[in-house]
Protein backbone atom coordinates (compact mmCIF):
# COMPACT_ATOMS: atom_id res chain seq x y z
CA MET A 1 10.74 6.78 22.85
CA LEU A 2 7.49 6.18 20.99
CA THR A 3 7.39 3.72 18.14
CA PRO A 4 5.90 5.26 15.00
CA ALA A 5 2.47 3.91 14.16
CA ALA A 6 2.18 1.57 11.21
CA PRO A 7 0.64 3.18 8.15
CA THR A 8 -3.07 2.59 7.74
CA ALA A 9 -4.60 0.80 4.77
CA THR A 10 -6.17 4.10 3.77
CA SER A 11 -2.85 5.95 3.75
CA ILE A 12 -1.18 3.16 1.77
CA LEU A 13 -4.04 3.19 -0.77
CA GLU A 14 -3.60 6.95 -1.17
CA GLN A 15 0.09 6.42 -1.92
CA LEU A 16 -0.89 3.66 -4.36
CA ARG A 17 -3.25 6.06 -6.18
CA GLU A 18 -0.37 8.53 -6.48
CA LEU A 19 1.85 5.80 -7.95
CA TYR A 20 -0.85 4.91 -10.50
CA LEU A 21 -1.07 8.60 -11.41
CA GLU A 22 2.72 8.77 -11.75
CA ARG A 23 2.63 5.75 -14.07
CA ALA A 24 -0.10 7.31 -16.22
CA LEU A 25 1.81 10.58 -16.45
CA ALA A 26 4.99 8.71 -17.34
CA GLU A 27 3.20 6.95 -20.18
CA VAL A 28 1.68 10.20 -21.47
CA ASN A 29 5.07 11.90 -21.38
CA GLY A 30 6.91 9.09 -23.17
CA LEU A 31 8.79 7.81 -20.15
CA ASP A 32 7.34 4.33 -20.56
CA SER A 33 10.34 3.57 -22.80
CA ASP A 34 12.65 4.15 -19.80
CA ARG A 35 12.73 0.52 -18.68
CA PRO A 36 14.64 0.96 -15.37
CA TYR A 37 12.32 3.78 -14.29
CA MET A 38 9.16 1.87 -15.23
CA ALA A 39 10.44 -1.33 -13.58
CA ASP A 40 11.12 0.59 -10.37
CA LEU A 41 7.68 2.19 -10.53
CA GLU A 42 6.01 -1.20 -11.10
CA ARG A 43 7.90 -2.63 -8.10
CA ASP A 44 6.70 0.28 -5.97
CA ILE A 45 3.12 -0.32 -7.12
CA ALA A 46 3.33 -4.05 -6.32
CA ASP A 47 4.90 -3.35 -2.91
CA HIS A 48 2.15 -0.86 -2.05
CA ARG A 49 -0.59 -3.25 -3.18
CA HIS A 50 0.81 -5.99 -0.93
CA ALA A 51 1.21 -3.56 1.97
CA ALA A 52 -2.38 -2.33 1.57
CA VAL A 53 -3.71 -5.89 1.76
CA GLY A 54 -1.60 -6.64 4.82
CA ALA A 55 -2.67 -3.44 6.57
CA ALA A 56 -6.35 -4.08 5.77
CA VAL A 57 -6.19 -7.64 7.14
CA THR A 58 -4.46 -6.39 10.29
CA GLU A 59 -7.04 -3.63 10.76
CA ILE A 60 -9.91 -6.12 10.34
CA ALA A 61 -8.36 -8.56 12.81
CA THR A 62 -7.73 -5.78 15.32
CA LEU A 63 -11.31 -4.56 15.07
CA ARG A 64 -12.65 -8.09 15.47
CA ALA A 65 -10.53 -8.56 18.58
CA GLU A 66 -11.68 -5.23 20.02
CA LEU A 67 -15.33 -6.14 19.44
CA SER A 68 -15.25 -9.81 20.46
CA GLY A 69 -12.25 -10.20 22.73
CA PRO A 70 -9.53 -12.81 22.40
CA LEU A 71 -10.22 -16.20 20.87
CA HIS A 72 -9.84 -19.20 23.16
CA GLY A 73 -9.47 -22.80 22.18
């Protein structure tokens, strides 16, 4: 069985943009007073920001390893 590939930084950033749009629409439509909903949305945004950074660092390290080979020493 194949293991699903980890999401790319680009795909995570696209999801993050959608979450920012959702937050803006919630504010425009008066849902910003719904504290549980907004707290959940803010947690999702924070989680996606952290995941995007982690994915980007992993992608950079992988590319460096592919270009230069393993580090020794």
